Protein backbone atom coordinates (compact mmCIF):
# COMPACT_ATOMS: atom_id res chain seq x y z
CA MET A 1 0.00 0.00 0.00
CA THR A 2 2.88 2.37 0.79
CA LYS A 3 4.30 2.04 -2.72
CA PHE A 4 0.90 2.76 -4.26
CA LEU A 5 0.38 5.87 -2.10
CA LEU A 6 3.88 7.10 -2.80
CA ALA A 7 3.47 6.54 -6.54
CA VAL A 8 0.18 8.47 -6.60
CA HIS A 9 1.73 11.24 -4.49
CA VAL A 10 4.74 11.60 -6.82
CA LEU A 11 2.64 11.37 -10.00
CA ALA A 12 0.19 13.94 -8.65
CA ALA A 13 3.07 16.27 -7.84
CA ILE A 14 4.47 15.93 -11.35
CA VAL A 15 1.13 16.23 -13.12
CA ALA A 16 -0.38 18.97 -10.92
CA ILE A 17 2.45 21.09 -9.55
CA GLY A 18 4.65 20.97 -12.65
CA PRO A 19 2.15 22.71 -14.93
CA VAL A 20 1.40 25.39 -12.32
CA THR A 21 5.07 26.26 -11.89
CA VAL A 22 5.69 26.39 -15.64
CA ALA A 23 2.51 28.29 -16.55
CA ALA A 24 2.94 30.71 -13.65
CA SER A 25 6.50 31.43 -14.79
CA MET A 26 5.36 32.02 -18.36
CA PHE A 27 2.50 34.31 -17.33
CA PRO A 28 4.27 37.62 -16.50
CA PRO A 29 6.14 37.98 -19.81
CA ALA A 30 3.03 36.87 -21.71
CA ALA A 31 0.95 39.48 -19.87
CA ARG A 32 3.56 42.14 -20.61
CA ARG A 33 3.39 41.32 -24.32
CA ALA A 34 -0.41 41.29 -24.36
CA LEU A 35 -0.69 44.59 -22.50
CA VAL A 36 1.76 46.36 -24.80
CA ALA A 37 -0.02 45.03 -27.90
CA PRO A 38 -3.75 44.89 -27.00
CA GLN A 39 -4.68 44.23 -30.62
CA ASP A 40 -2.74 40.94 -30.59
CA ALA A 41 -5.50 38.35 -30.06
CA ARG A 42 -3.00 35.50 -29.77
CA ALA A 43 -1.15 37.21 -26.92
CA THR A 44 -4.45 37.81 -25.13
CA GLU A 45 -5.49 34.17 -25.53
CA THR A 46 -2.10 33.03 -24.25
CA VAL A 47 -2.59 35.07 -21.06
CA ARG A 48 -6.07 33.63 -20.52
CA LEU A 49 -4.84 30.08 -21.16
CA LEU A 50 -1.89 30.36 -18.76
CA HIS A 51 -4.14 31.77 -16.04
CA ARG A 52 -6.68 28.97 -16.59
CA ILE A 53 -3.93 26.35 -16.37
CA CYS A 54 -2.75 27.82 -13.07
CA ARG A 55 -6.28 27.94 -11.60
CA VAL A 56 -7.24 24.42 -12.66
CA TYR A 57 -3.99 22.73 -11.69
CA ALA A 58 -3.92 24.58 -8.36
CA VAL A 59 -7.19 22.86 -7.51
CA VAL A 60 -5.95 19.51 -8.83
CA GLY A 61 -2.78 20.03 -6.77
CA VAL A 62 -4.74 19.50 -3.56
CA VAL A 63 -4.34 15.75 -4.08
CA VAL A 64 -0.57 16.08 -3.63
CA PRO A 65 -0.63 16.82 0.13
CA VAL A 66 -3.61 14.49 0.63
CA PHE A 67 -1.64 11.53 -0.72
CA GLY A 68 1.51 12.88 0.93
CA PHE A 69 -0.13 12.71 4.36
CA ALA A 70 -1.47 9.23 3.62
CA THR A 71 1.98 8.07 2.53
CA ALA A 72 3.69 9.63 5.56
CA ARG A 73 1.18 8.03 7.91
CA GLN A 74 1.70 4.64 6.26
CA MET A 75 5.49 5.04 6.52
CA GLY A 76 5.30 6.25 10.13
CA VAL A 77 7.19 9.49 9.50
CA LEU A 78 4.55 12.08 10.40
CA GLY A 79 6.70 13.42 13.25
CA ASP A 80 9.97 13.64 11.32
CA ALA A 81 11.53 17.10 11.07
CA TRP A 82 12.03 16.90 7.29
CA LEU A 83 8.35 16.14 6.79
CA ILE A 84 7.16 18.87 9.14
CA THR A 85 9.42 21.33 7.29
CA SER A 86 8.03 20.10 3.96
CA ILE A 87 4.47 20.55 5.23
CA ALA A 88 5.27 24.09 6.38
CA LEU A 89 6.90 24.98 3.05
CA THR A 90 3.99 23.44 1.13
CA THR A 91 1.56 25.51 3.19
CA VAL A 92 3.53 28.68 2.47
CA ALA A 93 3.67 27.79 -1.25
CA ALA A 94 -0.10 27.23 -1.31
CA LEU A 95 -0.66 30.59 0.40
CA VAL A 96 1.66 32.37 -2.03
CA LEU A 97 -0.19 30.79 -4.94
CA GLY A 98 -3.67 31.44 -3.59
CA LEU A 99 -3.12 34.90 -2.12
CA LEU A 100 -0.52 36.44 -4.44
CA VAL A 101 0.07 34.60 -7.72
CA LEU A 102 -3.50 33.80 -8.80
CA PRO A 103 -4.96 37.19 -7.77
CA GLY A 104 -2.06 38.95 -9.52
CA GLN A 105 -2.73 36.94 -12.65
CA GLU A 106 -6.43 37.73 -12.37
CA ARG A 107 -5.76 41.49 -12.21
CA LEU A 108 -3.43 41.34 -15.20
CA THR A 109 -5.85 39.15 -17.15
CA GLU A 110 -8.60 41.71 -16.51
CA ALA A 111 -6.26 44.46 -17.69
CA VAL A 112 -5.51 42.49 -20.86
CA ASP A 113 -9.21 41.81 -21.46
CA GLY A 114 -10.01 45.48 -20.87
CA ASP A 115 -7.36 46.60 -23.38
CA ARG A 116 -5.90 48.88 -20.75
CA GLY A 117 -2.38 48.41 -21.98
CA ASP A 118 -0.18 51.30 -22.97
CA GLN A 119 2.10 51.51 -25.96
CA ASP A 120 5.41 51.34 -24.09
CA GLY A 121 4.29 49.04 -21.29
CA ALA A 122 5.54 51.42 -18.58
CA GLY A 123 2.32 51.19 -16.58
CA THR A 124 2.27 47.40 -16.55
CA ARG A 125 5.92 46.63 -15.95
CA PRO A 126 5.85 46.99 -12.14
CA ALA A 127 2.83 44.67 -11.80
CA THR A 128 4.32 42.02 -14.09
CA PHE A 129 7.72 42.24 -12.39
CA ARG A 130 6.13 41.88 -8.94
CA LEU A 131 4.16 38.88 -10.18
CA ALA A 132 7.33 37.36 -11.67
CA MET A 133 9.11 37.79 -8.33
CA VAL A 134 6.27 36.23 -6.32
CA THR A 135 6.07 33.39 -8.83
CA GLY A 136 9.80 32.82 -8.41
CA VAL A 137 9.31 32.55 -4.64
CA PHE A 138 6.49 30.05 -5.23
CA ASN A 139 8.73 27.98 -7.50
CA LEU A 140 11.65 28.08 -5.04
CA LEU A 141 9.37 26.85 -2.26
CA TRP A 142 8.37 23.86 -4.39
CA ALA A 143 12.00 23.21 -5.27
CA ALA A 144 12.88 23.15 -1.56
CA VAL A 145 10.01 20.74 -0.84
CA THR A 146 11.16 18.50 -3.69
CA VAL A 147 14.72 18.41 -2.36
CA LEU A 148 13.46 17.58 1.14
CA MET A 149 11.30 14.78 -0.25
CA ILE A 150 14.29 13.27 -2.05
CA VAL A 151 17.01 13.78 0.57
CA ARG A 152 14.85 13.19 3.68
CA PRO A 153 17.44 14.09 6.33
CA GLY A 154 17.69 11.39 8.96
CA SER A 155 16.08 8.80 6.71
CA THR A 156 17.10 5.21 7.19
CA THR A 157 16.69 4.42 3.48
CA GLY A 158 20.20 5.60 2.72
CA ALA A 159 19.08 8.41 0.43
């Protein structure tokens, strides 16, 4: 049962978290392009698509910690420091995504849909740069969780 839970947990992380990190990273430059060229329908559609990917896969991503907890319980490691740290980092990553990344994308998507771009992009650059920075923090949090899941300090598996 442990192997099944672990396999589902890892697959869910790859399938759910991977697309969010990639789409979220692609979003700020795509929004910048769409806001500078509001007549570019393809750029506008790209922004909408990337935001939709982030929203949908963020919801799908809930299965990652669910199966993570089930796996940890099965393995008897719920009290291990590396797991508690991973849980804390995952919580922070979820908060960054839900409170900063997705709302920032929503605001920029609305700006793109409202054709409120300017010709040189000066008015949109700070918002897209802030979003890029917050997205980078989100991605670094997931990278840290991934490393902890692989290295598992104090593990008896020899990893």
